[in-house]
C-alpha atoms as a PDB file:
ATOM      1  CA  UNK A   1     -38.837  43.779 -84.398  1.00  0.00           C
ATOM      2  CA  UNK A   2     -38.229  44.774 -80.773  1.00  0.00           C
ATOM      3  CA  UNK A   3     -35.769  47.479 -79.808  1.00  0.00           C
ATOM      4  CA  UNK A   4     -32.457  46.399 -78.318  1.00  0.00           C
ATOM      5  CA  UNK A   5     -32.581  46.049 -74.556  1.00  0.00           C
ATOM      6  CA  UNK A   6     -30.538  48.466 -72.533  1.00  0.00           C
ATOM      7  CA  UNK A   7     -28.234  46.861 -69.985  1.00  0.00           C
ATOM      8  CA  UNK A   8     -29.345  46.894 -66.370  1.00  0.00           C
ATOM      9  CA  UNK A   9     -27.445  49.492 -64.376  1.00  0.00           C
ATOM     10  CA  UNK A  10     -26.819  50.133 -60.708  1.00  0.00           C
ATOM     11  CA  UNK A  11     -26.697  53.590 -59.201  1.00  0.00           C
ATOM     12  CA  UNK A  12     -23.455  54.336 -57.324  1.00  0.00           C
ATOM     13  CA  UNK A  13     -25.184  54.205 -53.916  1.00  0.00           C
ATOM     14  CA  UNK A  14     -26.647  50.782 -54.653  1.00  0.00           C
ATOM     15  CA  UNK A  15     -23.338  49.470 -55.970  1.00  0.00           C
ATOM     16  CA  UNK A  16     -21.505  50.797 -52.893  1.00  0.00           C
ATOM     17  CA  UNK A  17     -24.037  49.146 -50.591  1.00  0.00           C
ATOM     18  CA  UNK A  18     -23.695  45.807 -52.396  1.00  0.00           C
ATOM     19  CA  UNK A  19     -19.882  46.090 -52.314  1.00  0.00           C
ATOM     20  CA  UNK A  20     -19.925  46.957 -48.597  1.00  0.00           C
ATOM     21  CA  UNK A  21     -18.093  50.269 -48.970  1.00  0.00           C
ATOM     22  CA  UNK A  22     -18.735  53.819 -47.795  1.00  0.00           C
ATOM     23  CA  UNK A  23     -19.694  55.775 -50.931  1.00  0.00           C
ATOM     24  CA  UNK A  24     -18.168  59.175 -49.998  1.00  0.00           C
ATOM     25  CA  UNK A  25     -14.783  57.446 -49.553  1.00  0.00           C
ATOM     26  CA  UNK A  26     -14.892  55.966 -53.081  1.00  0.00           C
ATOM     27  CA  UNK A  27     -13.212  57.696 -56.025  1.00  0.00           C
ATOM     28  CA  UNK A  28     -15.196  60.537 -57.608  1.00  0.00           C
ATOM     29  CA  UNK A  29     -15.578  58.608 -60.871  1.00  0.00           C
ATOM     30  CA  UNK A  30     -17.282  55.732 -59.026  1.00  0.00           C
ATOM     31  CA  UNK A  31     -19.578  58.149 -57.166  1.00  0.00           C
ATOM     32  CA  UNK A  32     -20.793  59.795 -60.369  1.00  0.00           C
ATOM     33  CA  UNK A  33     -21.189  56.852 -62.756  1.00  0.00           C
ATOM     34  CA  UNK A  34     -23.875  54.198 -62.970  1.00  0.00           C
ATOM     35  CA  UNK A  35     -22.476  50.666 -63.336  1.00  0.00           C
ATOM     36  CA  UNK A  36     -23.728  47.984 -65.674  1.00  0.00           C
ATOM     37  CA  UNK A  37     -24.223  44.533 -64.209  1.00  0.00           C
ATOM     38  CA  UNK A  38     -21.101  43.357 -66.080  1.00  0.00           C
ATOM     39  CA  UNK A  39     -18.993  46.198 -64.634  1.00  0.00           C
ATOM     40  CA  UNK A  40     -20.304  45.444 -61.138  1.00  0.00           C
ATOM     41  CA  UNK A  41     -19.505  41.735 -61.541  1.00  0.00           C
ATOM     42  CA  UNK A  42     -16.010  42.666 -62.699  1.00  0.00           C
ATOM     43  CA  UNK A  43     -15.500  44.824 -59.586  1.00  0.00           C
ATOM     44  CA  UNK A  44     -16.523  41.880 -57.412  1.00  0.00           C
ATOM     45  CA  UNK A  45     -14.384  39.328 -59.250  1.00  0.00           C
ATOM     46  CA  UNK A  46     -11.205  41.378 -59.470  1.00  0.00           C
ATOM     47  CA  UNK A  47     -11.457  44.482 -57.274  1.00  0.00           C
ATOM     48  CA  UNK A  48      -9.175  47.404 -58.149  1.00  0.00           C
ATOM     49  CA  UNK A  49      -6.689  48.569 -55.536  1.00  0.00           C
ATOM     50  CA  UNK A  50      -8.909  51.429 -54.289  1.00  0.00           C
ATOM     51  CA  UNK A  51     -11.762  48.983 -53.594  1.00  0.00           C
ATOM     52  CA  UNK A  52      -9.513  46.468 -51.863  1.00  0.00           C
ATOM     53  CA  UNK A  53      -8.028  49.261 -49.734  1.00  0.00           C
ATOM     54  CA  UNK A  54     -11.472  50.602 -48.767  1.00  0.00           C
ATOM     55  CA  UNK A  55     -12.606  47.132 -47.750  1.00  0.00           C
ATOM     56  CA  UNK A  56      -9.404  46.567 -45.790  1.00  0.00           C
ATOM     57  CA  UNK A  57      -9.024  49.879 -43.936  1.00  0.00           C
ATOM     58  CA  UNK A  58     -12.310  51.760 -44.324  1.00  0.00           C
ATOM     59  CA  UNK A  59     -14.006  53.984 -43.549  1.00  0.00           C
ATOM     60  CA  UNK A  60     -16.744  51.364 -43.341  1.00  0.00           C
ATOM     61  CA  UNK A  61     -20.513  51.970 -43.617  1.00  0.00           C
ATOM     62  CA  UNK A  62     -22.772  51.303 -40.613  1.00  0.00           C
ATOM     63  CA  UNK A  63     -23.815  47.741 -41.557  1.00  0.00           C
ATOM     64  CA  UNK A  64     -20.174  46.700 -41.935  1.00  0.00           C
ATOM     65  CA  UNK A  65     -19.199  48.397 -38.658  1.00  0.00           C
ATOM     66  CA  UNK A  66     -22.061  46.632 -36.866  1.00  0.00           C
ATOM     67  CA  UNK A  67     -21.071  43.275 -38.339  1.00  0.00           C
ATOM     68  CA  UNK A  68     -17.400  43.717 -37.416  1.00  0.00           C
ATOM     69  CA  UNK A  69     -18.371  44.670 -33.858  1.00  0.00           C
ATOM     70  CA  UNK A  70     -20.822  41.772 -33.602  1.00  0.00           C
ATOM     71  CA  UNK A  71     -23.846  43.962 -32.872  1.00  0.00           C
ATOM     72  CA  UNK A  72     -26.936  45.267 -34.670  1.00  0.00           C
ATOM     73  CA  UNK A  73     -27.321  48.586 -36.478  1.00  0.00           C
ATOM     74  CA  UNK A  74     -29.651  49.620 -33.669  1.00  0.00           C
ATOM     75  CA  UNK A  75     -26.895  48.787 -31.201  1.00  0.00           C
ATOM     76  CA  UNK A  76     -24.622  51.225 -33.001  1.00  0.00           C
ATOM     77  CA  UNK A  77     -27.234  53.953 -32.633  1.00  0.00           C
ATOM     78  CA  UNK A  78     -27.786  53.165 -28.947  1.00  0.00           C
ATOM     79  CA  UNK A  79     -24.011  53.338 -28.476  1.00  0.00           C
ATOM     80  CA  UNK A  80     -23.924  56.778 -30.075  1.00  0.00           C
ATOM     81  CA  UNK A  81     -21.946  55.738 -33.152  1.00  0.00           C
ATOM     82  CA  UNK A  82     -23.349  57.524 -36.171  1.00  0.00           C
ATOM     83  CA  UNK A  83     -20.209  58.134 -38.211  1.00  0.00           C
ATOM     84  CA  UNK A  84     -18.406  55.547 -40.342  1.00  0.00           C
ATOM     85  CA  UNK A  85     -15.395  53.964 -38.651  1.00  0.00           C
ATOM     86  CA  UNK A  86     -12.050  52.776 -39.959  1.00  0.00           C
ATOM     87  CA  UNK A  87     -10.719  49.292 -39.325  1.00  0.00           C
ATOM     88  CA  UNK A  88      -8.241  50.793 -36.851  1.00  0.00           C
ATOM     89  CA  UNK A  89     -11.061  52.426 -34.848  1.00  0.00           C
ATOM     90  CA  UNK A  90     -13.083  49.198 -34.859  1.00  0.00           C
ATOM     91  CA  UNK A  91     -10.053  47.233 -33.648  1.00  0.00           C
ATOM     92  CA  UNK A  92      -9.496  49.751 -30.848  1.00  0.00           C
ATOM     93  CA  UNK A  93     -13.135  49.365 -29.749  1.00  0.00           C
ATOM     94  CA  UNK A  94     -12.822  45.578 -29.745  1.00  0.00           C
ATOM     95  CA  UNK A  95      -9.564  45.604 -27.786  1.00  0.00           C
ATOM     96  CA  UNK A  96     -10.909  47.886 -25.061  1.00  0.00           C
ATOM     97  CA  UNK A  97     -14.712  47.609 -25.331  1.00  0.00           C
ATOM     98  CA  UNK A  98     -16.817  50.265 -23.638  1.00  0.00           C
ATOM     99  CA  UNK A  99     -19.697  49.114 -21.422  1.00  0.00           C
ATOM    100  CA  UNK A 100     -22.324  49.782 -24.104  1.00  0.00           C
ATOM    101  CA  UNK A 101     -20.482  47.514 -26.575  1.00  0.00           C
ATOM    102  CA  UNK A 102     -20.241  44.675 -24.051  1.00  0.00           C
ATOM    103  CA  UNK A 103     -23.980  44.999 -23.351  1.00  0.00           C
ATOM    104  CA  UNK A 104     -24.886  45.122 -27.066  1.00  0.00           C
ATOM    105  CA  UNK A 105     -22.736  42.082 -27.846  1.00  0.00           C
ATOM    106  CA  UNK A 106     -24.437  40.077 -25.090  1.00  0.00           C
ATOM    107  CA  UNK A 107     -27.849  41.206 -26.362  1.00  0.00           C
ATOM    108  CA  UNK A 108     -26.918  40.153 -29.892  1.00  0.00           C
ATOM    109  CA  UNK A 109     -25.682  36.777 -28.621  1.00  0.00           C
ATOM    110  CA  UNK A 110     -29.002  36.246 -26.820  1.00  0.00           C
ATOM    111  CA  UNK A 111     -30.932  37.137 -29.971  1.00  0.00           C
ATOM    112  CA  UNK A 112     -28.895  34.655 -32.015  1.00  0.00           C
ATOM    113  CA  UNK A 113     -29.362  31.920 -29.394  1.00  0.00           C
ATOM    114  CA  UNK A 114     -33.120  32.480 -29.363  1.00  0.00           C
ATOM    115  CA  UNK A 115     -33.266  32.376 -33.177  1.00  0.00           C
ATOM    116  CA  UNK A 116     -31.346  29.081 -33.153  1.00  0.00           C
ATOM    117  CA  UNK A 117     -33.671  27.667 -30.481  1.00  0.00           C
ATOM    118  CA  UNK A 118     -36.766  28.609 -32.490  1.00  0.00           C
ATOM    119  CA  UNK A 119     -35.281  27.151 -35.671  1.00  0.00           C
ATOM    120  CA  UNK A 120     -34.462  23.902 -33.862  1.00  0.00           C
ATOM    121  CA  UNK A 121     -37.946  23.763 -32.308  1.00  0.00           C
ATOM    122  CA  UNK A 122     -39.606  24.317 -35.695  1.00  0.00           C
ATOM    123  CA  UNK A 123     -37.443  21.630 -37.294  1.00  0.00           C
ATOM    124  CA  UNK A 124     -38.397  19.184 -34.520  1.00  0.00           C
ATOM    125  CA  UNK A 125     -42.102  19.990 -35.000  1.00  0.00           C
ATOM    126  CA  UNK A 126     -41.808  19.515 -38.748  1.00  0.00           C
ATOM    127  CA  UNK A 127     -40.024  16.180 -38.272  1.00  0.00           C
ATOM    128  CA  UNK A 128     -42.677  14.918 -35.828  1.00  0.00           C
ATOM    129  CA  UNK A 129     -45.501  15.942 -38.204  1.00  0.00           C
ATOM    130  CA  UNK A 130     -43.996  13.962 -41.071  1.00  0.00           C
END
């Protein structure tokens, strides 16, 4: 007879990363408790008010800030942004973008265009080989 399996758990930092929230801004209970997969799924399906509020207003972690600004994480670093930002701060940056943000957004657009071109080229090659 095999022993009962223990449920898979997520550490708070991993759960916060998967939920797209800044861990230090989460409630203390969330920061100190591992989550089972079922508890994590429940948070995703029906987020409590604190989670919805964090997602709505922030502070947001770097990957979320970069995504909302339309740039890479490296672009954030080059722009000197190392701290998490709130939605209000992100909106202010987008409404009156500094020069570094304009440059990073154009760089990111060029990277995306090149990735699309390569994907299209590879698809055309694959179709001609078939």
